[in-house]
Amino acid sequence: MSTHNFHVQVGDQVFLEEGGEEIGAVRKVAKDHLVIYIEAAGDFVVAGPGVQAAHDGKVVLAADQLEPKVLEAARSAHERETE
């Protein structure tokens, strides 16, 4: 099992995929999880394996490691926006 030591800070932007659209921000950083705010859905806990990468003030989630409710919120983060 591999362990990641990402440097994540409160306020970092959250993405569902590298190069994708921002879906939220980090609210809290703990040793084994993050609390993230997802636009139009609220706060969610993401366990360590749910983070694929973190760099340059960005956190990229690992979609295949997220709980269904987190993944659904992430995918629909921008559905209510109007152009």
PDB file of N, CA and C in Angstrom:
ATOM      1  N   MET A   1       0.855  -1.185   0.000  1.00  0.00           N
ATOM      2  CA  MET A   1       0.000   0.000   0.000  1.00  0.00           C
ATOM      3  C   MET A   1       0.892   1.236   0.000  1.00  0.00           C
ATOM      4  N   SER A   2       0.578   2.184  -0.859  1.00  0.00           N
ATOM      5  CA  SER A   2       1.396   3.394  -0.911  1.00  0.00           C
ATOM      6  C   SER A   2       0.752   4.503  -0.094  1.00  0.00           C
ATOM      7  N   THR A   3       1.568   5.335   0.471  1.00  0.00           N
ATOM      8  CA  THR A   3       1.096   6.465   1.262  1.00  0.00           C
ATOM      9  C   THR A   3       1.575   7.742   0.598  1.00  0.00           C
ATOM     10  N   HIS A   4       0.688   8.712   0.502  1.00  0.00           N
ATOM     11  CA  HIS A   4       1.049   9.988  -0.093  1.00  0.00           C
ATOM     12  C   HIS A   4       1.213  11.030   0.999  1.00  0.00           C
ATOM     13  N   ASN A   5       2.187  11.868   0.857  1.00  0.00           N
ATOM     14  CA  ASN A   5       2.366  12.993   1.766  1.00  0.00           C
ATOM     15  C   ASN A   5       2.224  14.268   0.960  1.00  0.00           C
ATOM     16  N   PHE A   6       0.984  14.628   0.664  1.00  0.00           N
ATOM     17  CA  PHE A   6       0.713  15.829  -0.093  1.00  0.00           C
ATOM     18  C   PHE A   6       0.709  17.026   0.835  1.00  0.00           C
ATOM     19  N   HIS A   7       1.138  18.165   0.308  1.00  0.00           N
ATOM     20  CA  HIS A   7       1.060  19.411   1.069  1.00  0.00           C
ATOM     21  C   HIS A   7      -0.218  20.122   0.659  1.00  0.00           C
ATOM     22  N   VAL A   8      -1.192  20.108   1.545  1.00  0.00           N
ATOM     23  CA  VAL A   8      -2.500  20.700   1.276  1.00  0.00           C
ATOM     24  C   VAL A   8      -2.777  21.737   2.345  1.00  0.00           C
ATOM     25  N   GLN A   9      -3.357  22.867   1.943  1.00  0.00           N
ATOM     26  CA  GLN A   9      -3.688  23.929   2.880  1.00  0.00           C
ATOM     27  C   GLN A   9      -5.157  24.314   2.744  1.00  0.00           C
ATOM     28  N   VAL A  10      -5.705  24.852   3.821  1.00  0.00           N
ATOM     29  CA  VAL A  10      -7.057  25.385   3.772  1.00  0.00           C
ATOM     30  C   VAL A  10      -7.089  26.466   2.697  1.00  0.00           C
ATOM     31  N   GLY A  11      -8.102  26.414   1.864  1.00  0.00           N
ATOM     32  CA  GLY A  11      -8.240  27.382   0.779  1.00  0.00           C
ATOM     33  C   GLY A  11      -7.756  26.885  -0.571  1.00  0.00           C
ATOM     34  N   ASP A  12      -7.018  25.760  -0.594  1.00  0.00           N
ATOM     35  CA  ASP A  12      -6.591  25.199  -1.873  1.00  0.00           C
ATOM     36  C   ASP A  12      -7.824  24.881  -2.721  1.00  0.00           C
ATOM     37  N   GLN A  13      -7.709  25.068  -4.022  1.00  0.00           N
ATOM     38  CA  GLN A  13      -8.802  24.765  -4.941  1.00  0.00           C
ATOM     39  C   GLN A  13      -8.895  23.261  -5.142  1.00  0.00           C
ATOM     40  N   VAL A  14     -10.126  22.773  -5.344  1.00  0.00           N
ATOM     41  CA  VAL A  14     -10.359  21.340  -5.523  1.00  0.00           C
ATOM     42  C   VAL A  14     -10.880  21.077  -6.935  1.00  0.00           C
ATOM     43  N   PHE A  15     -10.344  20.024  -7.551  1.00  0.00           N
ATOM     44  CA  PHE A  15     -10.710  19.633  -8.904  1.00  0.00           C
ATOM     45  C   PHE A  15     -11.041  18.149  -8.938  1.00  0.00           C
ATOM     46  N   LEU A  16     -11.948  17.759  -9.830  1.00  0.00           N
ATOM     47  CA  LEU A  16     -12.274  16.345  -9.988  1.00  0.00           C
ATOM     48  C   LEU A  16     -11.299  15.677 -10.944  1.00  0.00           C
ATOM     49  N   GLU A  17     -10.676  16.471 -11.812  1.00  0.00           N
ATOM     50  CA  GLU A  17      -9.683  15.925 -12.735  1.00  0.00           C
ATOM     51  C   GLU A  17      -8.626  16.975 -13.031  1.00  0.00           C
ATOM     52  N   GLU A  18      -7.438  16.503 -13.316  1.00  0.00           N
ATOM     53  CA  GLU A  18      -6.327  17.392 -13.657  1.00  0.00           C
ATOM     54  C   GLU A  18      -6.716  18.215 -14.884  1.00  0.00           C
ATOM     55  N   GLY A  19      -6.576  19.530 -14.783  1.00  0.00           N
ATOM     56  CA  GLY A  19      -6.903  20.400 -15.898  1.00  0.00           C
ATOM     57  C   GLY A  19      -8.388  20.685 -16.046  1.00  0.00           C
ATOM     58  N   GLY A  20      -9.184  20.151 -15.136  1.00  0.00           N
ATOM     59  CA  GLY A  20     -10.633  20.357 -15.200  1.00  0.00           C
ATOM     60  C   GLY A  20     -11.048  21.663 -14.541  1.00  0.00           C
ATOM     61  N   GLU A  21     -12.333  21.800 -14.355  1.00  0.00           N
ATOM     62  CA  GLU A  21     -12.903  22.998 -13.759  1.00  0.00           C
ATOM     63  C   GLU A  21     -12.893  22.865 -12.230  1.00  0.00           C
ATOM     64  N   GLU A  22     -12.615  23.975 -11.559  1.00  0.00           N
ATOM     65  CA  GLU A  22     -12.618  23.977 -10.094  1.00  0.00           C
ATOM     66  C   GLU A  22     -14.018  23.642  -9.594  1.00  0.00           C
ATOM     67  N   ILE A  23     -14.091  22.768  -8.580  1.00  0.00           N
ATOM     68  CA  ILE A  23     -15.401  22.388  -8.043  1.00  0.00           C
ATOM     69  C   ILE A  23     -15.597  22.847  -6.603  1.00  0.00           C
ATOM     70  N   GLY A  24     -14.534  23.342  -5.972  1.00  0.00           N
ATOM     71  CA  GLY A  24     -14.665  23.754  -4.584  1.00  0.00           C
ATOM     72  C   GLY A  24     -13.330  24.112  -3.971  1.00  0.00           C
ATOM     73  N   ALA A  25     -13.280  24.016  -2.627  1.00  0.00           N
ATOM     74  CA  ALA A  25     -12.072  24.400  -1.907  1.00  0.00           C
ATOM     75  C   ALA A  25     -11.913  23.577  -0.640  1.00  0.00           C
ATOM     76  N   VAL A  26     -10.688  23.499  -0.174  1.00  0.00           N
ATOM     77  CA  VAL A  26     -10.384  22.782   1.067  1.00  0.00           C
ATOM     78  C   VAL A  26     -10.797  23.646   2.259  1.00  0.00           C
ATOM     79  N   ARG A  27     -11.556  23.060   3.177  1.00  0.00           N
ATOM     80  CA  ARG A  27     -12.009  23.758   4.393  1.00  0.00           C
ATOM     81  C   ARG A  27     -11.167  23.389   5.612  1.00  0.00           C
ATOM     82  N   LYS A  28     -10.732  22.108   5.657  1.00  0.00           N
ATOM     83  CA  LYS A  28      -9.990  21.621   6.826  1.00  0.00           C
ATOM     84  C   LYS A  28      -9.027  20.537   6.374  1.00  0.00           C
ATOM     85  N   VAL A  29      -7.848  20.527   6.982  1.00  0.00           N
ATOM     86  CA  VAL A  29      -6.845  19.502   6.678  1.00  0.00           C
ATOM     87  C   VAL A  29      -6.570  18.711   7.950  1.00  0.00           C
ATOM     88  N   ALA A  30      -6.745  17.401   7.885  1.00  0.00           N
ATOM     89  CA  ALA A  30      -6.438  16.523   9.013  1.00  0.00           C
ATOM     90  C   ALA A  30      -5.412  15.493   8.540  1.00  0.00           C
ATOM     91  N   LYS A  31      -4.895  14.724   9.474  1.00  0.00           N
ATOM     92  CA  LYS A  31      -3.841  13.757   9.141  1.00  0.00           C
ATOM     93  C   LYS A  31      -4.284  12.727   8.098  1.00  0.00           C
ATOM     94  N   ASP A  32      -5.533  12.265   8.203  1.00  0.00           N
ATOM     95  CA  ASP A  32      -5.994  11.191   7.326  1.00  0.00           C
ATOM     96  C   ASP A  32      -7.166  11.562   6.418  1.00  0.00           C
ATOM     97  N   HIS A  33      -7.579  12.839   6.431  1.00  0.00           N
ATOM     98  CA  HIS A  33      -8.692  13.249   5.575  1.00  0.00           C
ATOM     99  C   HIS A  33      -8.703  14.761   5.364  1.00  0.00           C
ATOM    100  N   LEU A  34      -9.509  15.166   4.413  1.00  0.00           N
ATOM    101  CA  LEU A  34      -9.757  16.585   4.161  1.00  0.00           C
ATOM    102  C   LEU A  34     -11.250  16.831   4.306  1.00  0.00           C
ATOM    103  N   VAL A  35     -11.603  18.044   4.691  1.00  0.00           N
ATOM    104  CA  VAL A  35     -12.983  18.479   4.573  1.00  0.00           C
ATOM    105  C   VAL A  35     -12.966  19.480   3.434  1.00  0.00           C
ATOM    106  N   ILE A  36     -13.769  19.186   2.406  1.00  0.00           N
ATOM    107  CA  ILE A  36     -13.807  20.080   1.256  1.00  0.00           C
ATOM    108  C   ILE A  36     -15.213  20.628   1.085  1.00  0.00           C
ATOM    109  N   TYR A  37     -15.289  21.855   0.597  1.00  0.00           N
ATOM    110  CA  TYR A  37     -16.562  22.456   0.229  1.00  0.00           C
ATOM    111  C   TYR A  37     -16.722  22.246  -1.262  1.00  0.00           C
ATOM    112  N   ILE A  38     -17.846  21.677  -1.670  1.00  0.00           N
ATOM    113  CA  ILE A  38     -18.149  21.509  -3.086  1.00  0.00           C
ATOM    114  C   ILE A  38     -19.272  22.475  -3.425  1.00  0.00           C
ATOM    115  N   GLU A  39     -19.049  23.264  -4.472  1.00  0.00           N
ATOM    116  CA  GLU A  39     -20.011  24.280  -4.882  1.00  0.00           C
ATOM    117  C   GLU A  39     -21.403  23.697  -5.030  1.00  0.00           C
ATOM    118  N   ALA A  40     -22.381  24.401  -4.482  1.00  0.00           N
ATOM    119  CA  ALA A  40     -23.798  24.055  -4.557  1.00  0.00           C
ATOM    120  C   ALA A  40     -24.163  22.773  -3.811  1.00  0.00           C
ATOM    121  N   ALA A  41     -23.231  22.211  -3.013  1.00  0.00           N
ATOM    122  CA  ALA A  41     -23.531  20.954  -2.322  1.00  0.00           C
ATOM    123  C   ALA A  41     -23.139  20.954  -0.846  1.00  0.00           C
ATOM    124  N   GLY A  42     -22.157  21.763  -0.446  1.00  0.00           N
ATOM    125  CA  GLY A  42     -21.765  21.806   0.946  1.00  0.00           C
ATOM    126  C   GLY A  42     -20.438  21.124   1.241  1.00  0.00           C
ATOM    127  N   ASP A  43     -20.239  20.796   2.521  1.00  0.00           N
ATOM    128  CA  ASP A  43     -18.983  20.216   2.981  1.00  0.00           C
ATOM    129  C   ASP A  43     -19.024  18.688   2.951  1.00  0.00           C
ATOM    130  N   PHE A  44     -17.880  18.090   2.582  1.00  0.00           N
ATOM    131  CA  PHE A  44     -17.748  16.643   2.527  1.00  0.00           C
ATOM    132  C   PHE A  44     -16.391  16.241   3.075  1.00  0.00           C
ATOM    133  N   VAL A  45     -16.325  15.056   3.683  1.00  0.00           N
ATOM    134  CA  VAL A  45     -15.067  14.496   4.155  1.00  0.00           C
ATOM    135  C   VAL A  45     -14.510  13.602   3.047  1.00  0.00           C
ATOM    136  N   VAL A  46     -13.242  13.820   2.716  1.00  0.00           N
ATOM    137  CA  VAL A  46     -12.565  12.991   1.720  1.00  0.00           C
ATOM    138  C   VAL A  46     -11.385  12.312   2.413  1.00  0.00           C
ATOM    139  N   ALA A  47     -11.422  10.981   2.470  1.00  0.00           N
ATOM    140  CA  ALA A  47     -10.334  10.226   3.088  1.00  0.00           C
ATOM    141  C   ALA A  47      -9.079  10.328   2.230  1.00  0.00           C
ATOM    142  N   GLY A  48      -7.943  10.073   2.823  1.00  0.00           N
ATOM    143  CA  GLY A  48      -6.651  10.181   2.152  1.00  0.00           C
ATOM    144  C   GLY A  48      -6.576   9.591   0.761  1.00  0.00           C
ATOM    145  N   PRO A  49      -7.071   8.338   0.549  1.00  0.00           N
ATOM    146  CA  PRO A  49      -6.994   7.755  -0.793  1.00  0.00           C
ATOM    147  C   PRO A  49      -7.806   8.513  -1.840  1.00  0.00           C
ATOM    148  N   GLY A  50      -8.701   9.382  -1.407  1.00  0.00           N
ATOM    149  CA  GLY A  50      -9.521  10.151  -2.334  1.00  0.00           C
ATOM    150  C   GLY A  50      -8.782  11.300  -2.983  1.00  0.00           C
ATOM    151  N   VAL A  51      -7.537  11.539  -2.548  1.00  0.00           N
ATOM    152  CA  VAL A  51      -6.721  12.600  -3.139  1.00  0.00           C
ATOM    153  C   VAL A  51      -5.716  11.965  -4.098  1.00  0.00           C
ATOM    154  N   GLN A  52      -5.813  12.349  -5.354  1.00  0.00           N
ATOM    155  CA  GLN A  52      -4.906  11.816  -6.381  1.00  0.00           C
ATOM    156  C   GLN A  52      -3.616  12.613  -6.435  1.00  0.00           C
ATOM    157  N   ALA A  53      -3.728  13.940  -6.324  1.00  0.00           N
ATOM    158  CA  ALA A  53      -2.553  14.807  -6.422  1.00  0.00           C
ATOM    159  C   ALA A  53      -2.830  16.127  -5.725  1.00  0.00           C
ATOM    160  N   ALA A  54      -1.760  16.776  -5.327  1.00  0.00           N
ATOM    161  CA  ALA A  54      -1.867  18.115  -4.746  1.00  0.00           C
ATOM    162  C   ALA A  54      -0.611  18.882  -5.122  1.00  0.00           C
ATOM    163  N   HIS A  55      -0.805  20.027  -5.768  1.00  0.00           N
ATOM    164  CA  HIS A  55       0.327  20.848  -6.187  1.00  0.00           C
ATOM    165  C   HIS A  55      -0.157  22.243  -6.541  1.00  0.00           C
ATOM    166  N   ASP A  56       0.679  23.225  -6.340  1.00  0.00           N
ATOM    167  CA  ASP A  56       0.398  24.602  -6.759  1.00  0.00           C
ATOM    168  C   ASP A  56      -0.937  25.130  -6.246  1.00  0.00           C
ATOM    169  N   GLY A  57      -1.296  24.779  -5.015  1.00  0.00           N
ATOM    170  CA  GLY A  57      -2.555  25.275  -4.454  1.00  0.00           C
ATOM    171  C   GLY A  57      -3.785  24.578  -5.019  1.00  0.00           C
ATOM    172  N   LYS A  58      -3.579  23.421  -5.631  1.00  0.00           N
ATOM    173  CA  LYS A  58      -4.677  22.656  -6.225  1.00  0.00           C
ATOM    174  C   LYS A  58      -4.683  21.243  -5.656  1.00  0.00           C
ATOM    175  N   VAL A  59      -5.881  20.727  -5.434  1.00  0.00           N
ATOM    176  CA  VAL A  59      -6.057  19.348  -4.994  1.00  0.00           C
ATOM    177  C   VAL A  59      -6.887  18.642  -6.057  1.00  0.00           C
ATOM    178  N   VAL A  60      -6.367  17.542  -6.591  1.00  0.00           N
ATOM    179  CA  VAL A  60      -7.076  16.753  -7.597  1.00  0.00           C
ATOM    180  C   VAL A  60      -7.578  15.483  -6.924  1.00  0.00           C
ATOM    181  N   LEU A  61      -8.878  15.267  -6.989  1.00  0.00           N
ATOM    182  CA  LEU A  61      -9.477  14.100  -6.357  1.00  0.00           C
ATOM    183  C   LEU A  61      -9.334  12.861  -7.229  1.00  0.00           C
ATOM    184  N   ALA A  62      -9.324  11.703  -6.589  1.00  0.00           N
ATOM    185  CA  ALA A  62      -9.292  10.412  -7.285  1.00  0.00           C
ATOM    186  C   ALA A  62     -10.729   9.906  -7.360  1.00  0.00           C
ATOM    187  N   ALA A  63     -11.379  10.147  -8.488  1.00  0.00           N
ATOM    188  CA  ALA A  63     -12.805   9.837  -8.636  1.00  0.00           C
ATOM    189  C   ALA A  63     -13.138   8.401  -8.240  1.00  0.00           C
ATOM    190  N   ASP A  64     -12.261   7.452  -8.562  1.00  0.00           N
ATOM    191  CA  ASP A  64     -12.539   6.044  -8.263  1.00  0.00           C
ATOM    192  C   ASP A  64     -12.408   5.697  -6.780  1.00  0.00           C
ATOM    193  N   GLN A  65     -11.951   6.650  -5.965  1.00  0.00           N
ATOM    194  CA  GLN A  65     -11.797   6.418  -4.527  1.00  0.00           C
ATOM    195  C   GLN A  65     -12.801   7.212  -3.685  1.00  0.00           C
ATOM    196  N   LEU A  66     -13.678   7.970  -4.331  1.00  0.00           N
ATOM    197  CA  LEU A  66     -14.620   8.821  -3.602  1.00  0.00           C
ATOM    198  C   LEU A  66     -15.904   8.072  -3.268  1.00  0.00           C
ATOM    199  N   GLU A  67     -16.517   8.464  -2.159  1.00  0.00           N
ATOM    200  CA  GLU A  67     -17.835   7.927  -1.823  1.00  0.00           C
ATOM    201  C   GLU A  67     -18.805   8.423  -2.887  1.00  0.00           C
ATOM    202  N   PRO A  68     -19.837   7.633  -3.205  1.00  0.00           N
ATOM    203  CA  PRO A  68     -20.790   8.032  -4.252  1.00  0.00           C
ATOM    204  C   PRO A  68     -21.383   9.430  -4.058  1.00  0.00           C
ATOM    205  N   LYS A  69     -21.722   9.800  -2.821  1.00  0.00           N
ATOM    206  CA  LYS A  69     -22.337  11.113  -2.606  1.00  0.00           C
ATOM    207  C   LYS A  69     -21.351  12.245  -2.897  1.00  0.00           C
ATOM    208  N   VAL A  70     -20.074  12.026  -2.625  1.00  0.00           N
ATOM    209  CA  VAL A  70     -19.055  13.044  -2.911  1.00  0.00           C
ATOM    210  C   VAL A  70     -18.860  13.156  -4.418  1.00  0.00           C
ATOM    211  N   LEU A  71     -18.787  12.021  -5.092  1.00  0.00           N
ATOM    212  CA  LEU A  71     -18.604  12.015  -6.536  1.00  0.00           C
ATOM    213  C   LEU A  71     -19.778  12.689  -7.239  1.00  0.00           C
ATOM    214  N   GLU A  72     -20.989  12.392  -6.804  1.00  0.00           N
ATOM    215  CA  GLU A  72     -22.183  13.003  -7.398  1.00  0.00           C
ATOM    216  C   GLU A  72     -22.163  14.524  -7.200  1.00  0.00           C
ATOM    217  N   ALA A  73     -21.819  14.964  -6.004  1.00  0.00           N
ATOM    218  CA  ALA A  73     -21.749  16.411  -5.729  1.00  0.00           C
ATOM    219  C   ALA A  73     -20.680  17.070  -6.594  1.00  0.00           C
ATOM    220  N   ALA A  74     -19.554  16.405  -6.734  1.00  0.00           N
ATOM    221  CA  ALA A  74     -18.453  16.953  -7.536  1.00  0.00           C
ATOM    222  C   ALA A  74     -18.853  17.070  -9.005  1.00  0.00           C
ATOM    223  N   ARG A  75     -19.522  16.063  -9.501  1.00  0.00           N
ATOM    224  CA  ARG A  75     -19.927  16.067 -10.915  1.00  0.00           C
ATOM    225  C   ARG A  75     -21.000  17.106 -11.203  1.00  0.00           C
ATOM    226  N   SER A  76     -21.811  17.444 -10.203  1.00  0.00           N
ATOM    227  CA  SER A  76     -22.898  18.394 -10.437  1.00  0.00           C
ATOM    228  C   SER A  76     -22.596  19.781  -9.879  1.00  0.00           C
ATOM    229  N   ALA A  77     -21.351  20.045  -9.530  1.00  0.00           N
ATOM    230  CA  ALA A  77     -20.975  21.312  -8.897  1.00  0.00           C
ATOM    231  C   ALA A  77     -21.326  22.532  -9.733  1.00  0.00           C
ATOM    232  N   HIS A  78     -21.295  22.412 -11.036  1.00  0.00           N
ATOM    233  CA  HIS A  78     -21.541  23.577 -11.893  1.00  0.00           C
ATOM    234  C   HIS A  78     -22.845  23.491 -12.669  1.00  0.00           C
ATOM    235  N   GLU A  79     -23.668  22.492 -12.377  1.00  0.00           N
ATOM    236  CA  GLU A  79     -24.915  22.316 -13.124  1.00  0.00           C
ATOM    237  C   GLU A  79     -25.880  23.474 -12.954  1.00  0.00           C
ATOM    238  N   ARG A  80     -25.876  24.119 -11.787  1.00  0.00           N
ATOM    239  CA  ARG A  80     -26.838  25.189 -11.527  1.00  0.00           C
ATOM    240  C   ARG A  80     -26.369  26.547 -12.039  1.00  0.00           C
ATOM    241  N   GLU A  81     -25.159  26.612 -12.556  1.00  0.00           N
ATOM    242  CA  GLU A  81     -24.652  27.881 -13.057  1.00  0.00           C
ATOM    243  C   GLU A  81     -25.278  28.213 -14.403  1.00  0.00           C
ATOM    244  N   THR A  82     -25.430  29.496 -14.651  1.00  0.00           N
ATOM    245  CA  THR A  82     -25.943  29.932 -15.953  1.00  0.00           C
ATOM    246  C   THR A  82     -24.865  30.757 -16.642  1.00  0.00           C
ATOM    247  N   GLU A  83     -24.864  30.671 -17.943  1.00  0.00           N
ATOM    248  CA  GLU A  83     -23.835  31.388 -18.719  1.00  0.00           C
ATOM    249  C   GLU A  83     -24.168  32.855 -18.801  1.00  0.00           C
TER     250      GLU A  83
END
